[in-house]
Amino acid sequence: IILGPMPDADDMVSFFRERAKDLGVLSNTC
């Protein structure tokens, strides 16, 4: 199912880590 991280995943998370109040993940997974 999992092919790998999206190409811009690190940059996207870093962008919000620096600018948003907080961030998290809500995932249907196993």
Full PDB file with SEQRES, HELIX, SHEET, SSBOND, CRYST1, ORIGX, SCALE, CONECT and MASTER records, all heavy atoms in Angstrom:
SEQRES   1 A   30  ILE ILE LEU GLY PRO MET PRO ASP ALA ASP ASP MET VAL          
SEQRES   2 A   30  SER PHE PHE ARG GLU ARG ALA LYS ASP LEU GLY VAL LEU          
SEQRES   3 A   30  SER ASN THR CYS                                              
HELIX    1 AA1 ALA A    9  ARG A   19  1                                  11    
CRYST1    1.000    1.000    1.000  90.00  90.00  90.00 P 1           1          
ORIGX1      1.000000  0.000000  0.000000        0.00000                         
ORIGX2      0.000000  1.000000  0.000000        0.00000                         
ORIGX3      0.000000  0.000000  1.000000        0.00000                         
SCALE1      1.000000  0.000000  0.000000        0.00000                         
SCALE2      0.000000  1.000000  0.000000        0.00000                         
SCALE3      0.000000  0.000000  1.000000        0.00000                         
ATOM      1  N   ILE A   1       0.836  -1.205   0.000  1.00  0.00           N  
ATOM      2  CA  ILE A   1       0.000   0.000   0.000  1.00  0.00           C  
ATOM      3  C   ILE A   1       0.867   1.249   0.000  1.00  0.00           C  
ATOM      4  O   ILE A   1       0.592   2.227  -0.700  1.00  0.00           O  
ATOM      5  CB  ILE A   1      -0.933   0.004   1.234  1.00  0.00           C  
ATOM      6  CG1 ILE A   1      -1.974  -1.111   1.130  1.00  0.00           C  
ATOM      7  CG2 ILE A   1      -1.616   1.364   1.400  1.00  0.00           C  
ATOM      8  CD1 ILE A   1      -2.838  -1.243   2.380  1.00  0.00           C  
ATOM      9  N   ILE A   2       1.917   1.224   0.801  1.00  0.00           N  
ATOM     10  CA  ILE A   2       2.736   2.422   1.018  1.00  0.00           C  
ATOM     11  C   ILE A   2       3.914   2.435   0.060  1.00  0.00           C  
ATOM     12  O   ILE A   2       4.757   1.542   0.071  1.00  0.00           O  
ATOM     13  CB  ILE A   2       3.221   2.475   2.472  1.00  0.00           C  
ATOM     14  CG1 ILE A   2       2.027   2.528   3.419  1.00  0.00           C  
ATOM     15  CG2 ILE A   2       4.137   3.675   2.688  1.00  0.00           C  
ATOM     16  CD1 ILE A   2       2.379   2.369   4.868  1.00  0.00           C  
ATOM     17  N   LEU A   3       3.969   3.480  -0.768  1.00  0.00           N  
ATOM     18  CA  LEU A   3       5.051   3.626  -1.737  1.00  0.00           C  
ATOM     19  C   LEU A   3       6.189   4.482  -1.200  1.00  0.00           C  
ATOM     20  O   LEU A   3       7.309   4.407  -1.698  1.00  0.00           O  
ATOM     21  CB  LEU A   3       4.508   4.235  -3.032  1.00  0.00           C  
ATOM     22  CG  LEU A   3       3.400   3.436  -3.718  1.00  0.00           C  
ATOM     23  CD1 LEU A   3       2.903   4.178  -4.956  1.00  0.00           C  
ATOM     24  CD2 LEU A   3       3.861   2.036  -4.080  1.00  0.00           C  
ATOM     25  N   GLY A   4       5.893   5.299  -0.184  1.00  0.00           N  
ATOM     26  CA  GLY A   4       6.916   6.159   0.394  1.00  0.00           C  
ATOM     27  C   GLY A   4       6.336   7.516   0.729  1.00  0.00           C  
ATOM     28  O   GLY A   4       5.158   7.786   0.483  1.00  0.00           O  
ATOM     29  N   PRO A   5       7.146   8.402   1.296  1.00  0.00           N  
ATOM     30  CA  PRO A   5       6.665   9.750   1.603  1.00  0.00           C  
ATOM     31  C   PRO A   5       6.449  10.553   0.323  1.00  0.00           C  
ATOM     32  O   PRO A   5       7.125  10.336  -0.682  1.00  0.00           O  
ATOM     33  CB  PRO A   5       7.789  10.351   2.448  1.00  0.00           C  
ATOM     34  CG  PRO A   5       9.002   9.583   2.049  1.00  0.00           C  
ATOM     35  CD  PRO A   5       8.549   8.203   1.692  1.00  0.00           C  
ATOM     36  N   MET A   6       5.492  11.464   0.352  1.00  0.00           N  
ATOM     37  CA  MET A   6       5.330  12.399  -0.750  1.00  0.00           C  
ATOM     38  C   MET A   6       6.623  13.212  -0.912  1.00  0.00           C  
ATOM     39  O   MET A   6       7.322  13.485   0.078  1.00  0.00           O  
ATOM     40  CB  MET A   6       4.158  13.343  -0.490  1.00  0.00           C  
ATOM     41  CG  MET A   6       2.800  12.688  -0.590  1.00  0.00           C  
ATOM     42  SD  MET A   6       2.399  12.247  -2.296  1.00  0.00           S  
ATOM     43  CE  MET A   6       0.685  11.721  -2.099  1.00  0.00           C  
ATOM     44  N   PRO A   7       6.964  13.608  -2.135  1.00  0.00           N  
ATOM     45  CA  PRO A   7       8.237  14.320  -2.356  1.00  0.00           C  
ATOM     46  C   PRO A   7       8.402  15.571  -1.502  1.00  0.00           C  
ATOM     47  O   PRO A   7       9.523  15.920  -1.128  1.00  0.00           O  
ATOM     48  CB  PRO A   7       8.179  14.674  -3.854  1.00  0.00           C  
ATOM     49  CG  PRO A   7       7.275  13.645  -4.451  1.00  0.00           C  
ATOM     50  CD  PRO A   7       6.247  13.343  -3.400  1.00  0.00           C  
ATOM     51  N   ASP A   8       7.283  16.254  -1.216  1.00  0.00           N  
ATOM     52  CA  ASP A   8       7.381  17.506  -0.461  1.00  0.00           C  
ATOM     53  C   ASP A   8       6.917  17.370   0.987  1.00  0.00           C  
ATOM     54  O   ASP A   8       6.659  18.369   1.655  1.00  0.00           O  
ATOM     55  CB  ASP A   8       6.592  18.609  -1.158  1.00  0.00           C  
ATOM     56  CG  ASP A   8       5.192  18.151  -1.589  1.00  0.00           C  
ATOM     57  OD1 ASP A   8       4.794  17.041  -1.179  1.00  0.00           O  
ATOM     58  OD2 ASP A   8       4.525  18.894  -2.333  1.00  0.00           O  
ATOM     59  N   ALA A   9       6.837  16.136   1.487  1.00  0.00           N  
ATOM     60  CA  ALA A   9       6.311  15.923   2.837  1.00  0.00           C  
ATOM     61  C   ALA A   9       7.157  16.619   3.904  1.00  0.00           C  
ATOM     62  O   ALA A   9       6.624  17.293   4.790  1.00  0.00           O  
ATOM     63  CB  ALA A   9       6.208  14.429   3.133  1.00  0.00           C  
ATOM     64  N   ASP A  10       8.479  16.487   3.828  1.00  0.00           N  
ATOM     65  CA  ASP A  10       9.350  17.109   4.835  1.00  0.00           C  
ATOM     66  C   ASP A  10       9.209  18.628   4.823  1.00  0.00           C  
ATOM     67  O   ASP A  10       9.090  19.257   5.884  1.00  0.00           O  
ATOM     68  CB  ASP A  10      10.810  16.719   4.596  1.00  0.00           C  
ATOM     69  CG  ASP A  10      11.118  15.305   5.051  1.00  0.00           C  
ATOM     70  OD1 ASP A  10      11.284  15.105   6.260  1.00  0.00           O  
ATOM     71  OD2 ASP A  10      11.173  14.402   4.200  1.00  0.00           O  
ATOM     72  N   ASP A  11       9.202  19.205   3.620  1.00  0.00           N  
ATOM     73  CA  ASP A  11       9.090  20.663   3.513  1.00  0.00           C  
ATOM     74  C   ASP A  11       7.742  21.149   4.026  1.00  0.00           C  
ATOM     75  O   ASP A  11       7.654  22.195   4.686  1.00  0.00           O  
ATOM     76  CB  ASP A  11       9.267  21.099   2.056  1.00  0.00           C  
ATOM     77  CG  ASP A  11      10.693  20.912   1.557  1.00  0.00           C  
ATOM     78  OD1 ASP A  11      11.602  20.798   2.399  1.00  0.00           O  
ATOM     79  OD2 ASP A  11      10.880  20.871   0.328  1.00  0.00           O  
ATOM     80  N   MET A  12       6.701  20.390   3.732  1.00  0.00           N  
ATOM     81  CA  MET A  12       5.363  20.802   4.140  1.00  0.00           C  
ATOM     82  C   MET A  12       5.211  20.769   5.665  1.00  0.00           C  
ATOM     83  O   MET A  12       4.701  21.714   6.270  1.00  0.00           O  
ATOM     84  CB  MET A  12       4.328  19.878   3.480  1.00  0.00           C  
ATOM     85  CG  MET A  12       2.911  20.343   3.601  1.00  0.00           C  
ATOM     86  SD  MET A  12       1.842  19.596   2.330  1.00  0.00           S  
ATOM     87  CE  MET A  12       2.309  17.869   2.386  1.00  0.00           C  
ATOM     88  N   VAL A  13       5.668  19.698   6.279  1.00  0.00           N  
ATOM     89  CA  VAL A  13       5.574  19.592   7.734  1.00  0.00           C  
ATOM     90  C   VAL A  13       6.438  20.668   8.393  1.00  0.00           C  
ATOM     91  O   VAL A  13       6.023  21.307   9.364  1.00  0.00           O  
ATOM     92  CB  VAL A  13       5.982  18.183   8.205  1.00  0.00           C  
ATOM     93  CG1 VAL A  13       6.057  18.129   9.730  1.00  0.00           C  
ATOM     94  CG2 VAL A  13       4.985  17.146   7.700  1.00  0.00           C  
ATOM     95  N   SER A  14       7.626  20.889   7.861  1.00  0.00           N  
ATOM     96  CA  SER A  14       8.507  21.925   8.407  1.00  0.00           C  
ATOM     97  C   SER A  14       7.867  23.307   8.308  1.00  0.00           C  
ATOM     98  O   SER A  14       7.942  24.113   9.244  1.00  0.00           O  
ATOM     99  CB  SER A  14       9.843  21.907   7.656  1.00  0.00           C  
ATOM    100  OG  SER A  14      10.696  22.916   8.130  1.00  0.00           O  
ATOM    101  N   PHE A  15       7.221  23.587   7.183  1.00  0.00           N  
ATOM    102  CA  PHE A  15       6.551  24.870   6.976  1.00  0.00           C  
ATOM    103  C   PHE A  15       5.534  25.128   8.084  1.00  0.00           C  
ATOM    104  O   PHE A  15       5.499  26.210   8.690  1.00  0.00           O  
ATOM    105  CB  PHE A  15       5.867  24.859   5.606  1.00  0.00           C  
ATOM    106  CG  PHE A  15       5.046  26.076   5.308  1.00  0.00           C  
ATOM    107  CD1 PHE A  15       5.626  27.192   4.723  1.00  0.00           C  
ATOM    108  CD2 PHE A  15       3.688  26.114   5.598  1.00  0.00           C  
ATOM    109  CE1 PHE A  15       4.873  28.325   4.446  1.00  0.00           C  
ATOM    110  CE2 PHE A  15       2.927  27.234   5.323  1.00  0.00           C  
ATOM    111  CZ  PHE A  15       3.516  28.347   4.753  1.00  0.00           C  
ATOM    112  N   PHE A  16       4.717  24.134   8.381  1.00  0.00           N  
ATOM    113  CA  PHE A  16       3.683  24.314   9.397  1.00  0.00           C  
ATOM    114  C   PHE A  16       4.248  24.247  10.808  1.00  0.00           C  
ATOM    115  O   PHE A  16       3.746  24.928  11.713  1.00  0.00           O  
ATOM    116  CB  PHE A  16       2.581  23.270   9.221  1.00  0.00           C  
ATOM    117  CG  PHE A  16       1.665  23.566   8.076  1.00  0.00           C  
ATOM    118  CD1 PHE A  16       1.671  22.766   6.944  1.00  0.00           C  
ATOM    119  CD2 PHE A  16       0.804  24.647   8.118  1.00  0.00           C  
ATOM    120  CE1 PHE A  16       0.825  23.037   5.874  1.00  0.00           C  
ATOM    121  CE2 PHE A  16      -0.043  24.933   7.062  1.00  0.00           C  
ATOM    122  CZ  PHE A  16      -0.033  24.122   5.937  1.00  0.00           C  
ATOM    123  N   ARG A  17       5.276  23.457  11.000  1.00  0.00           N  
ATOM    124  CA  ARG A  17       5.902  23.380  12.321  1.00  0.00           C  
ATOM    125  C   ARG A  17       6.392  24.753  12.757  1.00  0.00           C  
ATOM    126  O   ARG A  17       6.309  25.118  13.938  1.00  0.00           O  
ATOM    127  CB  ARG A  17       7.059  22.383  12.259  1.00  0.00           C  
ATOM    128  CG  ARG A  17       7.809  22.143  13.554  1.00  0.00           C  
ATOM    129  CD  ARG A  17       7.074  21.173  14.458  1.00  0.00           C  
ATOM    130  NE  ARG A  17       6.067  21.818  15.289  1.00  0.00           N  
ATOM    131  CZ  ARG A  17       5.137  21.181  15.973  1.00  0.00           C  
ATOM    132  NH1 ARG A  17       5.017  19.873  15.922  1.00  0.00           N  
ATOM    133  NH2 ARG A  17       4.281  21.827  16.714  1.00  0.00           N  
ATOM    134  N   GLU A  18       6.878  25.532  11.807  1.00  0.00           N  
ATOM    135  CA  GLU A  18       7.431  26.854  12.106  1.00  0.00           C  
ATOM    136  C   GLU A  18       6.364  27.937  12.216  1.00  0.00           C  
ATOM    137  O   GLU A  18       6.579  28.946  12.891  1.00  0.00           O  
ATOM    138  CB  GLU A  18       8.425  27.255  11.010  1.00  0.00           C  
ATOM    139  CG  GLU A  18       9.671  26.381  10.964  1.00  0.00           C  
ATOM    140  CD  GLU A  18      10.523  26.655   9.732  1.00  0.00           C  
ATOM    141  OE1 GLU A  18      10.133  27.544   8.934  1.00  0.00           O  
ATOM    142  OE2 GLU A  18      11.555  25.985   9.559  1.00  0.00           O  
ATOM    143  N   ARG A  19       5.203  27.747  11.569  1.00  0.00           N  
ATOM    144  CA  ARG A  19       4.257  28.855  11.440  1.00  0.00           C  
ATOM    145  C   ARG A  19       2.909  28.643  12.116  1.00  0.00           C  
ATOM    146  O   ARG A  19       2.249  29.619  12.485  1.00  0.00           O  
ATOM    147  CB  ARG A  19       4.009  29.131   9.939  1.00  0.00           C  
ATOM    148  CG  ARG A  19       5.231  29.646   9.205  1.00  0.00           C  
ATOM    149  CD  ARG A  19       5.007  29.622   7.696  1.00  0.00           C  
ATOM    150  NE  ARG A  19       6.125  30.214   6.957  1.00  0.00           N  
ATOM    151  CZ  ARG A  19       7.235  29.554   6.665  1.00  0.00           C  
ATOM    152  NH1 ARG A  19       7.363  28.288   7.040  1.00  0.00           N  
ATOM    153  NH2 ARG A  19       8.201  30.162   6.005  1.00  0.00           N  
ATOM    154  N   ALA A  20       2.463  27.415  12.257  1.00  0.00           N  
ATOM    155  CA  ALA A  20       1.139  27.149  12.828  1.00  0.00           C  
ATOM    156  C   ALA A  20       1.207  27.092  14.353  1.00  0.00           C  
ATOM    157  O   ALA A  20       2.282  26.948  14.954  1.00  0.00           O  
ATOM    158  CB  ALA A  20       0.580  25.841  12.284  1.00  0.00           C  
ATOM    159  N   LYS A  21       0.048  27.180  14.974  1.00  0.00           N  
ATOM    160  CA  LYS A  21      -0.032  27.062  16.429  1.00  0.00           C  
ATOM    161  C   LYS A  21       0.400  25.677  16.879  1.00  0.00           C  
ATOM    162  O   LYS A  21       1.109  25.510  17.880  1.00  0.00           O  
ATOM    163  CB  LYS A  21      -1.465  27.349  16.892  1.00  0.00           C  
ATOM    164  CG  LYS A  21      -1.685  27.222  18.382  1.00  0.00           C  
ATOM    165  CD  LYS A  21      -3.127  27.545  18.758  1.00  0.00           C  
ATOM    166  CE  LYS A  21      -3.344  27.417  20.254  1.00  0.00           C  
ATOM    167  NZ  LYS A  21      -4.772  27.728  20.615  1.00  0.00           N  
ATOM    168  N   ASP A  22      -0.028  24.659  16.133  1.00  0.00           N  
ATOM    169  CA  ASP A  22       0.327  23.274  16.443  1.00  0.00           C  
ATOM    170  C   ASP A  22       0.015  22.436  15.216  1.00  0.00           C  
ATOM    171  O   ASP A  22      -0.648  22.903  14.279  1.00  0.00           O  
ATOM    172  CB  ASP A  22      -0.464  22.773  17.648  1.00  0.00           C  
ATOM    173  CG  ASP A  22       0.242  21.641  18.398  1.00  0.00           C  
ATOM    174  OD1 ASP A  22       1.238  21.107  17.852  1.00  0.00           O  
ATOM    175  OD2 ASP A  22      -0.187  21.303  19.510  1.00  0.00           O  
ATOM    176  N   LEU A  23       0.496  21.206  15.207  1.00  0.00           N  
ATOM    177  CA  LEU A  23       0.134  20.292  14.122  1.00  0.00           C  
ATOM    178  C   LEU A  23       0.137  18.870  14.615  1.00  0.00           C  
ATOM    179  O   LEU A  23       0.800  18.529  15.598  1.00  0.00           O  
ATOM    180  CB  LEU A  23       1.061  20.471  12.912  1.00  0.00           C  
ATOM    181  CG  LEU A  23       2.542  20.094  13.014  1.00  0.00           C  
ATOM    182  CD1 LEU A  23       2.751  18.607  12.722  1.00  0.00           C  
ATOM    183  CD2 LEU A  23       3.359  20.908  12.032  1.00  0.00           C  
ATOM    184  N   GLY A  24      -0.648  18.049  13.919  1.00  0.00           N  
ATOM    185  CA  GLY A  24      -0.750  16.651  14.287  1.00  0.00           C  
ATOM    186  C   GLY A  24      -1.250  15.823  13.124  1.00  0.00           C  
ATOM    187  O   GLY A  24      -1.403  16.311  12.005  1.00  0.00           O  
ATOM    188  N   VAL A  25      -1.506  14.562  13.405  1.00  0.00           N  
ATOM    189  CA  VAL A  25      -1.933  13.598  12.392  1.00  0.00           C  
ATOM    190  C   VAL A  25      -3.176  12.873  12.883  1.00  0.00           C  
ATOM    191  O   VAL A  25      -3.284  12.515  14.061  1.00  0.00           O  
ATOM    192  CB  VAL A  25      -0.806  12.572  12.116  1.00  0.00           C  
ATOM    193  CG1 VAL A  25      -1.333  11.339  11.391  1.00  0.00           C  
ATOM    194  CG2 VAL A  25       0.313  13.213  11.322  1.00  0.00           C  
ATOM    195  N   LEU A  26      -4.125  12.677  11.964  1.00  0.00           N  
ATOM    196  CA  LEU A  26      -5.319  11.866  12.220  1.00  0.00           C  
ATOM    197  C   LEU A  26      -5.427  10.887  11.064  1.00  0.00           C  
ATOM    198  O   LEU A  26      -5.754  11.276   9.939  1.00  0.00           O  
ATOM    199  CB  LEU A  26      -6.560  12.754  12.307  1.00  0.00           C  
ATOM    200  CG  LEU A  26      -7.919  12.055  12.471  1.00  0.00           C  
ATOM    201  CD1 LEU A  26      -7.944  11.177  13.718  1.00  0.00           C  
ATOM    202  CD2 LEU A  26      -9.035  13.086  12.508  1.00  0.00           C  
ATOM    203  N   SER A  27      -5.137   9.610  11.329  1.00  0.00           N  
ATOM    204  CA  SER A  27      -4.998   8.654  10.231  1.00  0.00           C  
ATOM    205  C   SER A  27      -5.721   7.341  10.511  1.00  0.00           C  
ATOM    206  O   SER A  27      -5.598   6.771  11.603  1.00  0.00           O  
ATOM    207  CB  SER A  27      -3.513   8.356   9.986  1.00  0.00           C  
ATOM    208  OG  SER A  27      -3.345   7.392   8.973  1.00  0.00           O  
ATOM    209  N   ASN A  28      -6.451   6.875   9.507  1.00  0.00           N  
ATOM    210  CA  ASN A  28      -6.959   5.507   9.512  1.00  0.00           C  
ATOM    211  C   ASN A  28      -5.822   4.608   9.046  1.00  0.00           C  
ATOM    212  O   ASN A  28      -5.410   4.660   7.880  1.00  0.00           O  
ATOM    213  CB  ASN A  28      -8.147   5.355   8.561  1.00  0.00           C  
ATOM    214  CG  ASN A  28      -9.377   6.093   9.028  1.00  0.00           C  
ATOM    215  OD1 ASN A  28      -9.424   6.608  10.150  1.00  0.00           O  
ATOM    216  ND2 ASN A  28     -10.391   6.152   8.183  1.00  0.00           N  
ATOM    217  N   THR A  29      -5.296   3.797   9.939  1.00  0.00           N  
ATOM    218  CA  THR A  29      -4.127   2.996   9.599  1.00  0.00           C  
ATOM    219  C   THR A  29      -4.099   1.739  10.463  1.00  0.00           C  
ATOM    220  O   THR A  29      -5.091   1.392  11.094  1.00  0.00           O  
ATOM    221  CB  THR A  29      -2.847   3.841   9.761  1.00  0.00           C  
ATOM    222  OG1 THR A  29      -1.732   3.110   9.227  1.00  0.00           O  
ATOM    223  CG2 THR A  29      -2.581   4.219  11.210  1.00  0.00           C  
ATOM    224  N   CYS A  30      -2.979   1.063  10.473  1.00  0.00           N  
ATOM    225  CA  CYS A  30      -2.869  -0.188  11.220  1.00  0.00           C  
ATOM    226  C   CYS A  30      -1.427  -0.368  11.688  1.00  0.00           C  
ATOM    227  O   CYS A  30      -0.510   0.325  11.241  1.00  0.00           O  
ATOM    228  CB  CYS A  30      -3.309  -1.374  10.356  1.00  0.00           C  
ATOM    229  SG  CYS A  30      -2.286  -1.601   8.877  1.00  0.00           S  
TER     230      CYS A  30                                                      
MASTER        0    0    0    1    0    0    0    6  229    1    0    3          
END                                                                             
